[in-house]
């Protein structure tokens, strides 16, 4: 059973459930939750939000238990965070994150969104599927 998505305009209290939106960054969500950015080329306006039973409002971003795939560019030597791409090896990913190699549109463990076809993303190998 998922949560129904709802809008929260005042982030001063920081949302405590994954259905709260409209966030602009992870630090606007309760600890452990990530802001799923929707309405981008990688995550269309109605990207499903993990743990939620409805699609919510088109283009509105929501706090969720998993991060959304995002392309941070091809800057050589830049360390990428959770669900960031593009990586070419594990060395491109921060801490214990690994580079998830894709040949198509495979799901990246612990992340939401479709991402770019064939692009590799950093992921947490210990994340729940």
Foldseek 3Di string as FASTA:
>chain_A
DAAAADEDDDLPVADDDFRYDQDDFQVSHDPQWTKEFECDPFHHQQFCAPRHDDSPDGRGITTHNAYAADEPDDDPPAEDEANYDADDFQSNHPDQWTKAFAQAQDDDPRYTTRGDTRGITTHHPPGDD
